[in-house]
C-alpha atoms as a PDB file:
ATOM      1  CA  MET A   1       4.414 -13.747  36.255  1.00  0.00           C
ATOM      2  CA  LYS A   2       4.451 -11.757  32.936  1.00  0.00           C
ATOM      3  CA  GLU A   3       2.531 -13.252  30.052  1.00  0.00           C
ATOM      4  CA  ALA A   4       4.597 -13.508  26.826  1.00  0.00           C
ATOM      5  CA  HIS A   5       3.783 -12.205  23.433  1.00  0.00           C
ATOM      6  CA  ALA A   6       2.262 -14.657  20.951  1.00  0.00           C
ATOM      7  CA  PHE A   7       3.898 -16.962  18.418  1.00  0.00           C
ATOM      8  CA  SER A   8       5.902 -16.173  15.284  1.00  0.00           C
ATOM      9  CA  ASP A   9       4.276 -15.848  11.846  1.00  0.00           C
ATOM     10  CA  GLN A  10       5.012 -19.364  10.724  1.00  0.00           C
ATOM     11  CA  VAL A  11       2.446 -22.092  10.334  1.00  0.00           C
ATOM     12  CA  ILE A  12       3.146 -24.743  13.041  1.00  0.00           C
ATOM     13  CA  GLN A  13       2.653 -28.372  12.041  1.00  0.00           C
ATOM     14  CA  ARG A  14       3.617 -31.893  12.953  1.00  0.00           C
ATOM     15  CA  GLY A  15       7.411 -32.318  12.816  1.00  0.00           C
ATOM     16  CA  ALA A  16       8.155 -28.712  13.961  1.00  0.00           C
ATOM     17  CA  VAL A  17      10.378 -28.092  17.050  1.00  0.00           C
ATOM     18  CA  GLY A  18      11.328 -25.090  19.043  1.00  0.00           C
ATOM     19  CA  ASP A  19       9.821 -22.111  20.797  1.00  0.00           C
ATOM     20  CA  ASP A  20       6.591 -21.868  18.915  1.00  0.00           C
ATOM     21  CA  VAL A  21       5.801 -25.490  19.803  1.00  0.00           C
ATOM     22  CA  ILE A  22       6.587 -24.883  23.453  1.00  0.00           C
ATOM     23  CA  GLU A  23       4.113 -22.017  23.410  1.00  0.00           C
ATOM     24  CA  LEU A  24       1.524 -24.052  21.509  1.00  0.00           C
ATOM     25  CA  GLN A  25       1.878 -26.973  24.021  1.00  0.00           C
ATOM     26  CA  ALA A  26       1.749 -24.518  27.041  1.00  0.00           C
ATOM     27  CA  ARG A  27      -1.271 -22.767  25.779  1.00  0.00           C
ATOM     28  CA  LEU A  28      -3.175 -26.056  24.962  1.00  0.00           C
ATOM     29  CA  GLN A  29      -2.199 -27.402  28.318  1.00  0.00           C
ATOM     30  CA  TYR A  30      -3.355 -24.216  30.116  1.00  0.00           C
ATOM     31  CA  ILE A  31      -6.899 -24.861  28.758  1.00  0.00           C
ATOM     32  CA  GLY A  32      -6.821 -28.574  29.341  1.00  0.00           C
ATOM     33  CA  PHE A  33      -6.392 -29.925  25.711  1.00  0.00           C
ATOM     34  CA  TYR A  34      -2.660 -31.057  26.015  1.00  0.00           C
ATOM     35  CA  LYS A  35      -1.807 -33.342  28.839  1.00  0.00           C
ATOM     36  CA  SER A  36       1.673 -34.672  27.840  1.00  0.00           C
ATOM     37  CA  LYS A  37       5.167 -33.155  28.506  1.00  0.00           C
ATOM     38  CA  ILE A  38       5.893 -29.651  27.270  1.00  0.00           C
ATOM     39  CA  ASP A  39       8.965 -30.455  25.181  1.00  0.00           C
ATOM     40  CA  GLY A  40       8.895 -28.336  22.062  1.00  0.00           C
ATOM     41  CA  VAL A  41       8.366 -31.331  19.779  1.00  0.00           C
ATOM     42  CA  PHE A  42       5.152 -31.313  17.699  1.00  0.00           C
ATOM     43  CA  GLY A  43       4.489 -35.044  17.820  1.00  0.00           C
ATOM     44  CA  TRP A  44       1.250 -37.010  17.645  1.00  0.00           C
ATOM     45  CA  SER A  45       0.084 -35.972  21.141  1.00  0.00           C
ATOM     46  CA  THR A  46       0.339 -32.291  20.201  1.00  0.00           C
ATOM     47  CA  TYR A  47      -1.435 -32.993  16.791  1.00  0.00           C
ATOM     48  CA  TRP A  48      -4.413 -34.461  18.426  1.00  0.00           C
ATOM     49  CA  ALA A  49      -4.588 -31.796  21.010  1.00  0.00           C
ATOM     50  CA  VAL A  50      -4.658 -29.182  18.215  1.00  0.00           C
ATOM     51  CA  ARG A  51      -7.449 -31.021  16.387  1.00  0.00           C
ATOM     52  CA  ASN A  52      -9.630 -31.424  19.520  1.00  0.00           C
ATOM     53  CA  PHE A  53      -9.028 -27.666  20.161  1.00  0.00           C
ATOM     54  CA  GLN A  54     -10.035 -26.793  16.583  1.00  0.00           C
ATOM     55  CA  SER A  55     -13.130 -28.995  16.839  1.00  0.00           C
ATOM     56  CA  GLU A  56     -14.244 -27.432  20.109  1.00  0.00           C
ATOM     57  CA  TYR A  57     -13.799 -23.863  18.923  1.00  0.00           C
ATOM     58  CA  GLY A  58     -15.429 -24.238  15.372  1.00  0.00           C
ATOM     59  CA  LEU A  59     -12.144 -23.887  13.507  1.00  0.00           C
ATOM     60  CA  PRO A  60     -11.020 -25.901  10.422  1.00  0.00           C
ATOM     61  CA  ILE A  61      -9.934 -29.259  11.781  1.00  0.00           C
ATOM     62  CA  ASP A  62      -6.623 -29.816   9.998  1.00  0.00           C
ATOM     63  CA  GLY A  63      -3.985 -30.171  12.860  1.00  0.00           C
ATOM     64  CA  LEU A  64      -2.222 -27.052  11.421  1.00  0.00           C
ATOM     65  CA  VAL A  65      -1.634 -24.045  13.657  1.00  0.00           C
ATOM     66  CA  GLY A  66      -2.130 -21.092  11.267  1.00  0.00           C
ATOM     67  CA  ALA A  67      -3.429 -17.550  11.941  1.00  0.00           C
ATOM     68  CA  SER A  68      -6.955 -18.382  12.968  1.00  0.00           C
ATOM     69  CA  THR A  69      -5.970 -21.109  15.380  1.00  0.00           C
ATOM     70  CA  LYS A  70      -3.186 -19.002  16.886  1.00  0.00           C
ATOM     71  CA  GLN A  71      -5.656 -15.998  17.286  1.00  0.00           C
ATOM     72  CA  LYS A  72      -8.197 -18.296  19.120  1.00  0.00           C
ATOM     73  CA  LEU A  73      -5.508 -19.789  21.318  1.00  0.00           C
ATOM     74  CA  VAL A  74      -4.156 -16.428  22.294  1.00  0.00           C
ATOM     75  CA  LYS A  75      -7.733 -15.221  23.075  1.00  0.00           C
ATOM     76  CA  VAL A  76      -8.657 -18.166  25.415  1.00  0.00           C
ATOM     77  CA  SER A  77      -5.281 -18.958  27.037  1.00  0.00           C
ATOM     78  CA  LYS A  78      -2.294 -17.517  28.743  1.00  0.00           C
ATOM     79  CA  TYR A  79       1.416 -18.248  28.203  1.00  0.00           C
ATOM     80  CA  TYR A  80       4.005 -17.498  30.917  1.00  0.00           C
ATOM     81  CA  GLU A  81       7.126 -18.159  28.927  1.00  0.00           C
ATOM     82  CA  SER A  82       9.685 -17.686  31.809  1.00  0.00           C
ATOM     83  CA  PHE A  83       7.871 -20.117  34.077  1.00  0.00           C
ATOM     84  CA  VAL A  84       7.472 -22.780  31.417  1.00  0.00           C
ATOM     85  CA  LYS A  85      11.058 -22.618  30.184  1.00  0.00           C
ATOM     86  CA  GLU A  86      12.309 -22.717  33.766  1.00  0.00           C
ATOM     87  CA  GLN A  87      10.476 -25.947  34.389  1.00  0.00           C
ATOM     88  CA  ILE A  88      11.884 -27.329  31.149  1.00  0.00           C
ATOM     89  CA  ARG A  89      15.427 -26.336  32.233  1.00  0.00           C
ATOM     90  CA  LYS A  90      14.942 -28.071  35.484  1.00  0.00           C
ATOM     91  CA  GLY A  91      13.777 -31.256  33.788  1.00  0.00           C
ATOM     92  CA  ASN A  92      10.276 -31.042  35.366  1.00  0.00           C
ATOM     93  CA  SER A  93       7.310 -32.803  33.817  1.00  0.00           C
ATOM     94  CA  PHE A  94       3.937 -31.347  34.479  1.00  0.00           C
ATOM     95  CA  THR A  95       0.420 -32.059  33.258  1.00  0.00           C
ATOM     96  CA  HIS A  96      -1.161 -29.056  34.697  1.00  0.00           C
ATOM     97  CA  TYR A  97      -0.531 -25.518  33.628  1.00  0.00           C
ATOM     98  CA  GLY A  98      -1.931 -22.167  34.256  1.00  0.00           C
ATOM     99  CA  GLY A  99       0.894 -20.274  35.925  1.00  0.00           C
ATOM    100  CA  ILE A 100       0.723 -22.672  38.846  1.00  0.00           C
ATOM    101  CA  PRO A 101       3.260 -25.478  39.224  1.00  0.00           C
ATOM    102  CA  LEU A 102       2.072 -28.768  40.666  1.00  0.00           C
ATOM    103  CA  SER A 103       2.984 -29.351  44.222  1.00  0.00           C
ATOM    104  CA  GLN A 104       4.011 -32.865  43.121  1.00  0.00           C
ATOM    105  CA  GLN A 105       5.624 -33.314  39.752  1.00  0.00           C
ATOM    106  CA  VAL A 106       4.001 -36.195  37.759  1.00  0.00           C
ATOM    107  CA  LYS A 107       6.352 -38.626  35.911  1.00  0.00           C
ATOM    108  CA  GLN A 108       5.199 -38.711  32.331  1.00  0.00           C
ATOM    109  CA  GLN A 109       5.909 -40.988  29.521  1.00  0.00           C
ATOM    110  CA  GLY A 110       7.780 -39.166  26.678  1.00  0.00           C
ATOM    111  CA  THR A 111       5.649 -37.773  23.990  1.00  0.00           C
ATOM    112  CA  ALA A 112       5.784 -39.151  20.452  1.00  0.00           C
ATOM    113  CA  SER A 113       8.586 -37.602  18.527  1.00  0.00           C
ATOM    114  CA  SER A 114       8.202 -36.461  14.953  1.00  0.00           C
ATOM    115  CA  GLY A 115      10.525 -39.015  13.634  1.00  0.00           C
ATOM    116  CA  GLY A 116      10.518 -42.798  13.614  1.00  0.00           C
ATOM    117  CA  SER A 117       7.633 -44.995  12.395  1.00  0.00           C
ATOM    118  CA  ALA A 118       4.806 -43.291  14.283  1.00  0.00           C
ATOM    119  CA  THR A 119       1.677 -42.717  12.104  1.00  0.00           C
ATOM    120  CA  ALA A 120      -1.756 -41.416  12.729  1.00  0.00           C
ATOM    121  CA  THR A 121      -3.186 -44.804  12.425  1.00  0.00           C
ATOM    122  CA  ASN A 122      -1.098 -46.545  15.057  1.00  0.00           C
ATOM    123  CA  VAL A 123      -3.449 -48.431  17.437  1.00  0.00           C
ATOM    124  CA  PRO A 124      -2.587 -48.150  21.096  1.00  0.00           C
ATOM    125  CA  LYS A 125      -2.255 -51.232  23.163  1.00  0.00           C
ATOM    126  CA  GLY A 126      -5.553 -52.486  24.649  1.00  0.00           C
ATOM    127  CA  PHE A 127      -7.545 -52.697  21.497  1.00  0.00           C
ATOM    128  CA  SER A 128      -7.633 -55.850  19.500  1.00  0.00           C
ATOM    129  CA  GLN A 129      -8.366 -56.018  15.751  1.00  0.00           C
ATOM    130  CA  ASN A 130     -11.618 -57.421  16.689  1.00  0.00           C
ATOM    131  CA  ASP A 131     -12.386 -54.362  18.851  1.00  0.00           C
ATOM    132  CA  ILE A 132     -11.542 -52.048  15.934  1.00  0.00           C
ATOM    133  CA  GLN A 133     -13.674 -54.098  13.543  1.00  0.00           C
ATOM    134  CA  LEU A 134     -16.622 -54.113  15.833  1.00  0.00           C
ATOM    135  CA  MET A 135     -16.399 -50.426  16.440  1.00  0.00           C
ATOM    136  CA  ALA A 136     -16.220 -49.812  12.693  1.00  0.00           C
ATOM    137  CA  ASN A 137     -19.386 -51.926  12.354  1.00  0.00           C
ATOM    138  CA  ALA A 138     -21.106 -49.852  14.911  1.00  0.00           C
ATOM    139  CA  VAL A 139     -20.041 -46.501  13.360  1.00  0.00           C
ATOM    140  CA  TYR A 140     -21.064 -47.562   9.891  1.00  0.00           C
ATOM    141  CA  GLY A 141     -24.453 -48.924  11.200  1.00  0.00           C
ATOM    142  CA  GLU A 142     -25.104 -45.950  13.267  1.00  0.00           C
ATOM    143  CA  ALA A 143     -23.635 -42.929  11.314  1.00  0.00           C
ATOM    144  CA  ARG A 144     -22.764 -43.927   7.668  1.00  0.00           C
ATOM    145  CA  GLY A 145     -24.757 -40.993   6.437  1.00  0.00           C
ATOM    146  CA  GLU A 146     -23.243 -38.461   8.812  1.00  0.00           C
ATOM    147  CA  PRO A 147     -20.414 -36.128   8.035  1.00  0.00           C
ATOM    148  CA  TYR A 148     -16.918 -37.629   8.825  1.00  0.00           C
ATOM    149  CA  VAL A 149     -16.529 -35.655  12.100  1.00  0.00           C
ATOM    150  CA  GLY A 150     -19.873 -37.094  13.198  1.00  0.00           C
ATOM    151  CA  GLN A 151     -18.599 -40.543  12.488  1.00  0.00           C
ATOM    152  CA  VAL A 152     -15.548 -39.876  14.665  1.00  0.00           C
ATOM    153  CA  ALA A 153     -17.675 -38.511  17.374  1.00  0.00           C
ATOM    154  CA  VAL A 154     -19.808 -41.787  17.482  1.00  0.00           C
ATOM    155  CA  ALA A 155     -16.681 -43.827  17.832  1.00  0.00           C
ATOM    156  CA  ALA A 156     -15.549 -41.368  20.527  1.00  0.00           C
ATOM    157  CA  VAL A 157     -18.663 -41.888  22.491  1.00  0.00           C
ATOM    158  CA  ILE A 158     -18.028 -45.766  22.517  1.00  0.00           C
ATOM    159  CA  LEU A 159     -14.586 -45.021  23.862  1.00  0.00           C
ATOM    160  CA  ASN A 160     -15.883 -42.542  26.414  1.00  0.00           C
ATOM    161  CA  ARG A 161     -18.304 -45.128  27.700  1.00  0.00           C
ATOM    162  CA  LEU A 162     -15.385 -47.581  28.126  1.00  0.00           C
ATOM    163  CA  GLU A 163     -13.885 -45.043  30.660  1.00  0.00           C
ATOM    164  CA  HIS A 164     -17.167 -44.410  32.397  1.00  0.00           C
ATOM    165  CA  PRO A 165     -18.095 -46.340  35.566  1.00  0.00           C
ATOM    166  CA  SER A 166     -21.739 -46.611  34.433  1.00  0.00           C
ATOM    167  CA  PHE A 167     -20.989 -48.688  31.311  1.00  0.00           C
ATOM    168  CA  PRO A 168     -19.296 -52.131  30.668  1.00  0.00           C
ATOM    169  CA  ASN A 169     -15.481 -52.157  30.371  1.00  0.00           C
ATOM    170  CA  SER A 170     -15.127 -53.858  27.072  1.00  0.00           C
ATOM    171  CA  VAL A 171     -15.857 -52.668  23.535  1.00  0.00           C
ATOM    172  CA  ALA A 172     -18.181 -55.679  22.875  1.00  0.00           C
ATOM    173  CA  GLY A 173     -19.901 -54.978  26.266  1.00  0.00           C
ATOM    174  CA  VAL A 174     -20.592 -51.366  25.450  1.00  0.00           C
ATOM    175  CA  ILE A 175     -21.860 -51.968  21.862  1.00  0.00           C
ATOM    176  CA  PHE A 176     -24.089 -54.970  22.803  1.00  0.00           C
ATOM    177  CA  GLN A 177     -25.477 -53.486  25.978  1.00  0.00           C
ATOM    178  CA  PRO A 178     -29.169 -53.849  25.781  1.00  0.00           C
ATOM    179  CA  GLY A 179     -30.863 -50.881  24.008  1.00  0.00           C
ATOM    180  CA  ALA A 180     -27.566 -48.985  23.710  1.00  0.00           C
ATOM    181  CA  PHE A 181     -27.314 -48.705  19.957  1.00  0.00           C
ATOM    182  CA  THR A 182     -30.020 -48.671  17.366  1.00  0.00           C
ATOM    183  CA  ALA A 183     -27.772 -50.545  14.907  1.00  0.00           C
ATOM    184  CA  VAL A 184     -27.648 -53.571  17.166  1.00  0.00           C
ATOM    185  CA  THR A 185     -31.466 -53.499  17.668  1.00  0.00           C
ATOM    186  CA  ASP A 186     -32.227 -53.355  13.851  1.00  0.00           C
ATOM    187  CA  GLY A 187     -29.336 -55.608  12.726  1.00  0.00           C
ATOM    188  CA  GLN A 188     -27.375 -52.866  10.822  1.00  0.00           C
ATOM    189  CA  ILE A 189     -24.418 -53.618  13.179  1.00  0.00           C
ATOM    190  CA  TRP A 190     -23.725 -56.573  10.801  1.00  0.00           C
ATOM    191  CA  LEU A 191     -23.350 -54.436   7.633  1.00  0.00           C
ATOM    192  CA  THR A 192     -19.932 -54.408   6.174  1.00  0.00           C
ATOM    193  CA  PRO A 193     -18.162 -51.109   7.144  1.00  0.00           C
ATOM    194  CA  ASN A 194     -16.414 -49.009   4.652  1.00  0.00           C
ATOM    195  CA  GLU A 195     -12.911 -47.581   5.017  1.00  0.00           C
ATOM    196  CA  THR A 196     -14.301 -44.226   6.253  1.00  0.00           C
ATOM    197  CA  ALA A 197     -15.842 -45.837   9.218  1.00  0.00           C
ATOM    198  CA  LYS A 198     -12.602 -47.787  10.091  1.00  0.00           C
ATOM    199  CA  LYS A 199     -10.604 -44.525   9.661  1.00  0.00           C
ATOM    200  CA  ALA A 200     -13.071 -42.701  12.035  1.00  0.00           C
ATOM    201  CA  VAL A 201     -12.518 -45.404  14.664  1.00  0.00           C
ATOM    202  CA  LEU A 202      -8.667 -45.078  14.450  1.00  0.00           C
ATOM    203  CA  ASP A 203      -8.949 -41.198  14.624  1.00  0.00           C
ATOM    204  CA  ALA A 204     -11.020 -41.681  17.826  1.00  0.00           C
ATOM    205  CA  ILE A 205      -8.725 -44.216  19.215  1.00  0.00           C
ATOM    206  CA  ASN A 206      -5.691 -41.916  18.554  1.00  0.00           C
ATOM    207  CA  GLY A 207      -7.296 -39.088  20.588  1.00  0.00           C
ATOM    208  CA  TRP A 208      -9.734 -37.012  18.523  1.00  0.00           C
ATOM    209  CA  ASP A 209     -13.056 -36.491  20.311  1.00  0.00           C
ATOM    210  CA  PRO A 210     -15.374 -34.172  18.414  1.00  0.00           C
ATOM    211  CA  SER A 211     -18.144 -35.076  20.899  1.00  0.00           C
ATOM    212  CA  SER A 212     -16.181 -33.248  23.786  1.00  0.00           C
ATOM    213  CA  GLY A 213     -16.553 -36.126  26.133  1.00  0.00           C
ATOM    214  CA  ALA A 214     -20.142 -37.183  25.358  1.00  0.00           C
ATOM    215  CA  ILE A 215     -21.489 -40.480  26.520  1.00  0.00           C
ATOM    216  CA  TYR A 216     -24.789 -40.439  24.682  1.00  0.00           C
ATOM    217  CA  TYR A 217     -26.097 -39.097  21.282  1.00  0.00           C
ATOM    218  CA  PHE A 218     -29.411 -39.192  19.544  1.00  0.00           C
ATOM    219  CA  ASN A 219     -31.200 -38.133  16.452  1.00  0.00           C
ATOM    220  CA  PRO A 220     -33.948 -35.756  17.500  1.00  0.00           C
ATOM    221  CA  ASP A 221     -35.912 -36.459  14.366  1.00  0.00           C
ATOM    222  CA  THR A 222     -36.215 -40.099  15.158  1.00  0.00           C
ATOM    223  CA  ALA A 223     -35.769 -40.538  18.924  1.00  0.00           C
ATOM    224  CA  THR A 224     -38.550 -42.349  20.727  1.00  0.00           C
ATOM    225  CA  ASN A 225     -37.168 -42.371  24.175  1.00  0.00           C
ATOM    226  CA  GLY A 226     -38.162 -39.281  26.098  1.00  0.00           C
ATOM    227  CA  TRP A 227     -35.361 -39.792  28.692  1.00  0.00           C
ATOM    228  CA  ILE A 228     -32.682 -38.947  26.311  1.00  0.00           C
ATOM    229  CA  TRP A 229     -33.952 -35.399  26.100  1.00  0.00           C
ATOM    230  CA  SER A 230     -33.275 -34.906  29.825  1.00  0.00           C
ATOM    231  CA  ARG A 231     -29.486 -35.356  29.293  1.00  0.00           C
ATOM    232  CA  PRO A 232     -27.334 -32.159  29.192  1.00  0.00           C
ATOM    233  CA  GLN A 233     -26.590 -31.493  25.623  1.00  0.00           C
ATOM    234  CA  ILE A 234     -23.136 -30.602  24.455  1.00  0.00           C
ATOM    235  CA  LYS A 235     -23.427 -30.050  20.769  1.00  0.00           C
ATOM    236  CA  LYS A 236     -24.986 -31.137  17.582  1.00  0.00           C
ATOM    237  CA  ILE A 237     -22.954 -32.680  14.701  1.00  0.00           C
ATOM    238  CA  GLY A 238     -24.803 -33.509  11.559  1.00  0.00           C
ATOM    239  CA  LYS A 239     -28.146 -34.967  12.604  1.00  0.00           C
ATOM    240  CA  HIS A 240     -26.988 -36.189  16.031  1.00  0.00           C
ATOM    241  CA  ILE A 241     -27.054 -34.276  19.374  1.00  0.00           C
ATOM    242  CA  PHE A 242     -24.305 -35.339  21.749  1.00  0.00           C
ATOM    243  CA  CYS A 243     -25.002 -35.376  25.518  1.00  0.00           C
ATOM    244  CA  LYS A 244     -23.406 -35.954  28.875  1.00  0.00           C
END
């Protein structure tokens, strides 16, 4: 298959439709950031995939696909336009890309459109207001002095633990697991969170994971548990090191 040339010159942003968005979704899916249907509509699924890509590659995290984001995408991904558009014409849904079609097509839920009432702060089913409040308490107690991206990363760690078999399967269970969070141990979990902490939780719930899948984090200046240093480190954000 022949790889296509890259993008037009326009900045691609939420609400956009067309060939640039198809290429964007395909390139993001090629490297594993976009897992929804390639449909040429820049909705919320595409927006959060862009932000996660920007976070991972050290780009400004704004959800806008300008020159620097395009250049990095072109460098680290491939786009086989004829293959992708043929799948779209056939009505095929696929959540894996890289020039190789799935042997079994996977039925996908439609991605969020750019119209309607969708907003970045929609809360997906499965999280109660109590869950969100408790997570905001944890983020505020653990990371209120951290940069915003670091607060989102702490919220993402809580969510990543929910999906991991080694941890409890409820928000309260994860947060109150003995010894899991310093804020629980020292009582700062009960401080009243600010709006920034709440927004960080919603950003994490809606798909932004600056931690790149971490299930642990620690402050190297204050850590007293030697075991945490044995965990494979992913990245440092603010004062926290995030680990697998």
